[in-house]
Amino acid sequence: MSRTSIPVDHETKERLDRLKKDDETWDEFLERTALSDEPIEKGFLSEEGAEAAKENIRKTRESF
């Protein structure tokens, strides 16, 4: 099996660390997240973070 690296900034890594279960590998975590069989925990973002995410989504949609 081939391996790859995905660079992420420190804040993103901290957020992912909080979502990852203690007993799963990063590959298992990413597979679980990508398959959407198990939703990401509601309330993960602060209100401020949620507003920033909404703004980024809006900007992305406008760019298309």
PDB file of N, CA and C in Angstrom:
ATOM      1  N   MET A   1       0.845  -1.170   0.000  1.00  0.00           N
ATOM      2  CA  MET A   1       0.000   0.000   0.000  1.00  0.00           C
ATOM      3  C   MET A   1       0.892   1.236   0.000  1.00  0.00           C
ATOM      4  N   SER A   2       0.562   2.181  -0.850  1.00  0.00           N
ATOM      5  CA  SER A   2       1.358   3.412  -0.879  1.00  0.00           C
ATOM      6  C   SER A   2       0.885   4.367   0.209  1.00  0.00           C
ATOM      7  N   ARG A   3       1.747   5.268   0.591  1.00  0.00           N
ATOM      8  CA  ARG A   3       1.459   6.255   1.634  1.00  0.00           C
ATOM      9  C   ARG A   3       1.648   7.641   1.055  1.00  0.00           C
ATOM     10  N   THR A   4       0.983   8.609   1.654  1.00  0.00           N
ATOM     11  CA  THR A   4       1.126   9.992   1.244  1.00  0.00           C
ATOM     12  C   THR A   4       1.059  10.886   2.475  1.00  0.00           C
ATOM     13  N   SER A   5       1.520  12.095   2.325  1.00  0.00           N
ATOM     14  CA  SER A   5       1.447  13.082   3.406  1.00  0.00           C
ATOM     15  C   SER A   5       0.514  14.203   2.972  1.00  0.00           C
ATOM     16  N   ILE A   6      -0.236  14.720   3.921  1.00  0.00           N
ATOM     17  CA  ILE A   6      -1.146  15.828   3.653  1.00  0.00           C
ATOM     18  C   ILE A   6      -0.788  16.954   4.610  1.00  0.00           C
ATOM     19  N   PRO A   7      -0.186  18.027   4.112  1.00  0.00           N
ATOM     20  CA  PRO A   7       0.171  19.125   5.012  1.00  0.00           C
ATOM     21  C   PRO A   7      -1.062  19.897   5.459  1.00  0.00           C
ATOM     22  N   VAL A   8      -1.166  20.148   6.743  1.00  0.00           N
ATOM     23  CA  VAL A   8      -2.245  20.970   7.311  1.00  0.00           C
ATOM     24  C   VAL A   8      -1.622  21.919   8.324  1.00  0.00           C
ATOM     25  N   ASP A   9      -2.282  23.046   8.533  1.00  0.00           N
ATOM     26  CA  ASP A   9      -1.736  23.977   9.512  1.00  0.00           C
ATOM     27  C   ASP A   9      -2.001  23.478  10.929  1.00  0.00           C
ATOM     28  N   HIS A  10      -1.347  24.085  11.874  1.00  0.00           N
ATOM     29  CA  HIS A  10      -1.397  23.650  13.272  1.00  0.00           C
ATOM     30  C   HIS A  10      -2.819  23.650  13.830  1.00  0.00           C
ATOM     31  N   GLU A  11      -3.589  24.691  13.526  1.00  0.00           N
ATOM     32  CA  GLU A  11      -4.963  24.774  14.038  1.00  0.00           C
ATOM     33  C   GLU A  11      -5.832  23.654  13.483  1.00  0.00           C
ATOM     34  N   THR A  12      -5.654  23.351  12.203  1.00  0.00           N
ATOM     35  CA  THR A  12      -6.418  22.260  11.596  1.00  0.00           C
ATOM     36  C   THR A  12      -6.063  20.941  12.258  1.00  0.00           C
ATOM     37  N   LYS A  13      -4.781  20.702  12.477  1.00  0.00           N
ATOM     38  CA  LYS A  13      -4.342  19.464  13.130  1.00  0.00           C
ATOM     39  C   LYS A  13      -4.943  19.341  14.517  1.00  0.00           C
ATOM     40  N   GLU A  14      -4.998  20.435  15.271  1.00  0.00           N
ATOM     41  CA  GLU A  14      -5.599  20.394  16.609  1.00  0.00           C
ATOM     42  C   GLU A  14      -7.079  20.036  16.536  1.00  0.00           C
ATOM     43  N   ARG A  15      -7.789  20.593  15.554  1.00  0.00           N
ATOM     44  CA  ARG A  15      -9.219  20.274  15.399  1.00  0.00           C
ATOM     45  C   ARG A  15      -9.404  18.802  15.056  1.00  0.00           C
ATOM     46  N   LEU A  16      -8.574  18.308  14.150  1.00  0.00           N
ATOM     47  CA  LEU A  16      -8.672  16.898  13.772  1.00  0.00           C
ATOM     48  C   LEU A  16      -8.330  15.984  14.942  1.00  0.00           C
ATOM     49  N   ASP A  17      -7.340  16.357  15.735  1.00  0.00           N
ATOM     50  CA  ASP A  17      -6.980  15.577  16.925  1.00  0.00           C
ATOM     51  C   ASP A  17      -8.175  15.414  17.863  1.00  0.00           C
ATOM     52  N   ARG A  18      -8.990  16.464  17.989  1.00  0.00           N
ATOM     53  CA  ARG A  18     -10.154  16.399  18.889  1.00  0.00           C
ATOM     54  C   ARG A  18     -11.244  15.481  18.339  1.00  0.00           C
ATOM     55  N   LEU A  19     -11.315  15.328  17.022  1.00  0.00           N
ATOM     56  CA  LEU A  19     -12.333  14.474  16.412  1.00  0.00           C
ATOM     57  C   LEU A  19     -11.920  13.011  16.326  1.00  0.00           C
ATOM     58  N   LYS A  20     -10.619  12.779  16.258  1.00  0.00           N
ATOM     59  CA  LYS A  20     -10.097  11.419  16.104  1.00  0.00           C
ATOM     60  C   LYS A  20     -10.255  10.641  17.406  1.00  0.00           C
ATOM     61  N   LYS A  21     -10.721   9.406  17.283  1.00  0.00           N
ATOM     62  CA  LYS A  21     -10.851   8.532  18.452  1.00  0.00           C
ATOM     63  C   LYS A  21      -9.470   8.044  18.872  1.00  0.00           C
ATOM     64  N   ASP A  22      -9.291   7.842  20.179  1.00  0.00           N
ATOM     65  CA  ASP A  22      -7.993   7.417  20.709  1.00  0.00           C
ATOM     66  C   ASP A  22      -7.506   6.090  20.135  1.00  0.00           C
ATOM     67  N   ASP A  23      -8.431   5.192  19.834  1.00  0.00           N
ATOM     68  CA  ASP A  23      -8.042   3.853  19.407  1.00  0.00           C
ATOM     69  C   ASP A  23      -7.997   3.674  17.892  1.00  0.00           C
ATOM     70  N   GLU A  24      -8.082   4.759  17.112  1.00  0.00           N
ATOM     71  CA  GLU A  24      -8.047   4.602  15.664  1.00  0.00           C
ATOM     72  C   GLU A  24      -6.812   5.268  15.066  1.00  0.00           C
ATOM     73  N   THR A  25      -6.375   4.714  13.946  1.00  0.00           N
ATOM     74  CA  THR A  25      -5.241   5.293  13.235  1.00  0.00           C
ATOM     75  C   THR A  25      -5.738   6.501  12.446  1.00  0.00           C
ATOM     76  N   TRP A  26      -4.800   7.307  11.958  1.00  0.00           N
ATOM     77  CA  TRP A  26      -5.202   8.447  11.136  1.00  0.00           C
ATOM     78  C   TRP A  26      -5.896   7.960   9.869  1.00  0.00           C
ATOM     79  N   ASP A  27      -5.445   6.861   9.300  1.00  0.00           N
ATOM     80  CA  ASP A  27      -6.094   6.325   8.107  1.00  0.00           C
ATOM     81  C   ASP A  27      -7.537   5.923   8.416  1.00  0.00           C
ATOM     82  N   GLU A  28      -7.759   5.260   9.535  1.00  0.00           N
ATOM     83  CA  GLU A  28      -9.105   4.864   9.932  1.00  0.00           C
ATOM     84  C   GLU A  28      -9.986   6.091  10.170  1.00  0.00           C
ATOM     85  N   PHE A  29      -9.420   7.112  10.825  1.00  0.00           N
ATOM     86  CA  PHE A  29     -10.158   8.339  11.084  1.00  0.00           C
ATOM     87  C   PHE A  29     -10.590   9.012   9.774  1.00  0.00           C
ATOM     88  N   LEU A  30      -9.642   9.144   8.837  1.00  0.00           N
ATOM     89  CA  LEU A  30      -9.962   9.804   7.574  1.00  0.00           C
ATOM     90  C   LEU A  30     -10.964   9.005   6.760  1.00  0.00           C
ATOM     91  N   GLU A  31     -10.847   7.690   6.786  1.00  0.00           N
ATOM     92  CA  GLU A  31     -11.814   6.855   6.085  1.00  0.00           C
ATOM     93  C   GLU A  31     -13.199   7.024   6.702  1.00  0.00           C
ATOM     94  N   ARG A  32     -13.273   6.993   8.019  1.00  0.00           N
ATOM     95  CA  ARG A  32     -14.557   7.168   8.718  1.00  0.00           C
ATOM     96  C   ARG A  32     -15.169   8.523   8.383  1.00  0.00           C
ATOM     97  N   THR A  33     -14.359   9.538   8.377  1.00  0.00           N
ATOM     98  CA  THR A  33     -14.845  10.884   8.108  1.00  0.00           C
ATOM     99  C   THR A  33     -15.292  11.021   6.651  1.00  0.00           C
ATOM    100  N   ALA A  34     -14.512  10.469   5.733  1.00  0.00           N
ATOM    101  CA  ALA A  34     -14.827  10.584   4.309  1.00  0.00           C
ATOM    102  C   ALA A  34     -16.074   9.795   3.929  1.00  0.00           C
ATOM    103  N   LEU A  35     -16.314   8.684   4.597  1.00  0.00           N
ATOM    104  CA  LEU A  35     -17.469   7.856   4.267  1.00  0.00           C
ATOM    105  C   LEU A  35     -18.769   8.422   4.825  1.00  0.00           C
ATOM    106  N   SER A  36     -18.689   9.321   5.771  1.00  0.00           N
ATOM    107  CA  SER A  36     -19.850   9.966   6.382  1.00  0.00           C
ATOM    108  C   SER A  36     -20.813   8.992   7.045  1.00  0.00           C
ATOM    109  N   ASP A  37     -20.356   7.779   7.352  1.00  0.00           N
ATOM    110  CA  ASP A  37     -21.207   6.842   8.080  1.00  0.00           C
ATOM    111  C   ASP A  37     -21.448   7.332   9.500  1.00  0.00           C
ATOM    112  N   GLU A  38     -20.489   8.051  10.015  1.00  0.00           N
ATOM    113  CA  GLU A  38     -20.564   8.561  11.376  1.00  0.00           C
ATOM    114  C   GLU A  38     -20.342  10.071  11.294  1.00  0.00           C
ATOM    115  N   PRO A  39     -21.364  10.870  11.569  1.00  0.00           N
ATOM    116  CA  PRO A  39     -21.201  12.318  11.392  1.00  0.00           C
ATOM    117  C   PRO A  39     -20.190  12.918  12.358  1.00  0.00           C
ATOM    118  N   ILE A  40     -19.593  14.010  11.917  1.00  0.00           N
ATOM    119  CA  ILE A  40     -18.700  14.769  12.792  1.00  0.00           C
ATOM    120  C   ILE A  40     -19.547  15.372  13.897  1.00  0.00           C
ATOM    121  N   GLU A  41     -19.009  15.421  15.089  1.00  0.00           N
ATOM    122  CA  GLU A  41     -19.759  15.890  16.239  1.00  0.00           C
ATOM    123  C   GLU A  41     -20.329  17.288  16.031  1.00  0.00           C
ATOM    124  N   LYS A  42     -21.608  17.417  16.315  1.00  0.00           N
ATOM    125  CA  LYS A  42     -22.267  18.716  16.244  1.00  0.00           C
ATOM    126  C   LYS A  42     -21.696  19.613  17.340  1.00  0.00           C
ATOM    127  N   GLY A  43     -21.558  20.876  17.023  1.00  0.00           N
ATOM    128  CA  GLY A  43     -21.054  21.810  18.024  1.00  0.00           C
ATOM    129  C   GLY A  43     -19.549  21.862  18.102  1.00  0.00           C
ATOM    130  N   PHE A  44     -18.890  21.303  17.131  1.00  0.00           N
ATOM    131  CA  PHE A  44     -17.430  21.268  17.132  1.00  0.00           C
ATOM    132  C   PHE A  44     -16.852  22.675  17.072  1.00  0.00           C
ATOM    133  N   LEU A  45     -17.449  23.532  16.261  1.00  0.00           N
ATOM    134  CA  LEU A  45     -16.946  24.895  16.118  1.00  0.00           C
ATOM    135  C   LEU A  45     -17.564  25.821  17.158  1.00  0.00           C
ATOM    136  N   SER A  46     -16.792  26.785  17.559  1.00  0.00           N
ATOM    137  CA  SER A  46     -17.344  27.846  18.396  1.00  0.00           C
ATOM    138  C   SER A  46     -18.264  28.682  17.518  1.00  0.00           C
ATOM    139  N   GLU A  47     -19.048  29.539  18.115  1.00  0.00           N
ATOM    140  CA  GLU A  47     -19.928  30.395  17.330  1.00  0.00           C
ATOM    141  C   GLU A  47     -19.108  31.252  16.371  1.00  0.00           C
ATOM    142  N   GLU A  48     -17.985  31.747  16.860  1.00  0.00           N
ATOM    143  CA  GLU A  48     -17.086  32.554  16.035  1.00  0.00           C
ATOM    144  C   GLU A  48     -16.528  31.730  14.874  1.00  0.00           C
ATOM    145  N   GLY A  49     -16.133  30.497  15.161  1.00  0.00           N
ATOM    146  CA  GLY A  49     -15.611  29.616  14.126  1.00  0.00           C
ATOM    147  C   GLY A  49     -16.667  29.252  13.098  1.00  0.00           C
ATOM    148  N   ALA A  50     -17.898  29.047  13.560  1.00  0.00           N
ATOM    149  CA  ALA A  50     -19.001  28.716  12.652  1.00  0.00           C
ATOM    150  C   ALA A  50     -19.275  29.882  11.707  1.00  0.00           C
ATOM    151  N   GLU A  51     -19.259  31.093  12.226  1.00  0.00           N
ATOM    152  CA  GLU A  51     -19.476  32.272  11.383  1.00  0.00           C
ATOM    153  C   GLU A  51     -18.369  32.403  10.346  1.00  0.00           C
ATOM    154  N   ALA A  52     -17.134  32.152  10.745  1.00  0.00           N
ATOM    155  CA  ALA A  52     -16.012  32.214   9.799  1.00  0.00           C
ATOM    156  C   ALA A  52     -16.171  31.145   8.717  1.00  0.00           C
ATOM    157  N   ALA A  53     -16.610  29.956   9.099  1.00  0.00           N
ATOM    158  CA  ALA A  53     -16.820  28.880   8.128  1.00  0.00           C
ATOM    159  C   ALA A  53     -17.925  29.260   7.142  1.00  0.00           C
ATOM    160  N   LYS A  54     -19.017  29.822   7.647  1.00  0.00           N
ATOM    161  CA  LYS A  54     -20.107  30.257   6.772  1.00  0.00           C
ATOM    162  C   LYS A  54     -19.620  31.312   5.776  1.00  0.00           C
ATOM    163  N   GLU A  55     -18.817  32.231   6.256  1.00  0.00           N
ATOM    164  CA  GLU A  55     -18.287  33.283   5.387  1.00  0.00           C
ATOM    165  C   GLU A  55     -17.385  32.691   4.311  1.00  0.00           C
ATOM    166  N   ASN A  56     -16.558  31.728   4.687  1.00  0.00           N
ATOM    167  CA  ASN A  56     -15.688  31.068   3.698  1.00  0.00           C
ATOM    168  C   ASN A  56     -16.498  30.318   2.661  1.00  0.00           C
ATOM    169  N   ILE A  57     -17.556  29.661   3.087  1.00  0.00           N
ATOM    170  CA  ILE A  57     -18.434  28.945   2.145  1.00  0.00           C
ATOM    171  C   ILE A  57     -19.085  29.936   1.180  1.00  0.00           C
ATOM    172  N   ARG A  58     -19.556  31.059   1.723  1.00  0.00           N
ATOM    173  CA  ARG A  58     -20.179  32.079   0.882  1.00  0.00           C
ATOM    174  C   ARG A  58     -19.200  32.585  -0.176  1.00  0.00           C
ATOM    175  N   LYS A  59     -17.979  32.888   0.243  1.00  0.00           N
ATOM    176  CA  LYS A  59     -16.960  33.391  -0.674  1.00  0.00           C
ATOM    177  C   LYS A  59     -16.622  32.350  -1.738  1.00  0.00           C
ATOM    178  N   THR A  60     -16.543  31.097  -1.335  1.00  0.00           N
ATOM    179  CA  THR A  60     -16.240  30.026  -2.283  1.00  0.00           C
ATOM    180  C   THR A  60     -17.337  29.913  -3.327  1.00  0.00           C
ATOM    181  N   ARG A  61     -18.595  29.956  -2.877  1.00  0.00           N
ATOM    182  CA  ARG A  61     -19.713  29.859  -3.814  1.00  0.00           C
ATOM    183  C   ARG A  61     -19.728  31.024  -4.785  1.00  0.00           C
ATOM    184  N   GLU A  62     -19.409  32.207  -4.299  1.00  0.00           N
ATOM    185  CA  GLU A  62     -19.384  33.384  -5.168  1.00  0.00           C
ATOM    186  C   GLU A  62     -18.283  33.296  -6.215  1.00  0.00           C
ATOM    187  N   SER A  63     -17.201  32.601  -5.891  1.00  0.00           N
ATOM    188  CA  SER A  63     -16.091  32.518  -6.832  1.00  0.00           C
ATOM    189  C   SER A  63     -16.382  31.610  -8.029  1.00  0.00           C
ATOM    190  N   PHE A  64     -17.441  30.786  -7.932  1.00  0.00           N
ATOM    191  CA  PHE A  64     -17.774  29.892  -9.036  1.00  0.00           C
ATOM    192  C   PHE A  64     -18.618  30.607 -10.007  1.00  0.00           C
TER     193      PHE A  64
END
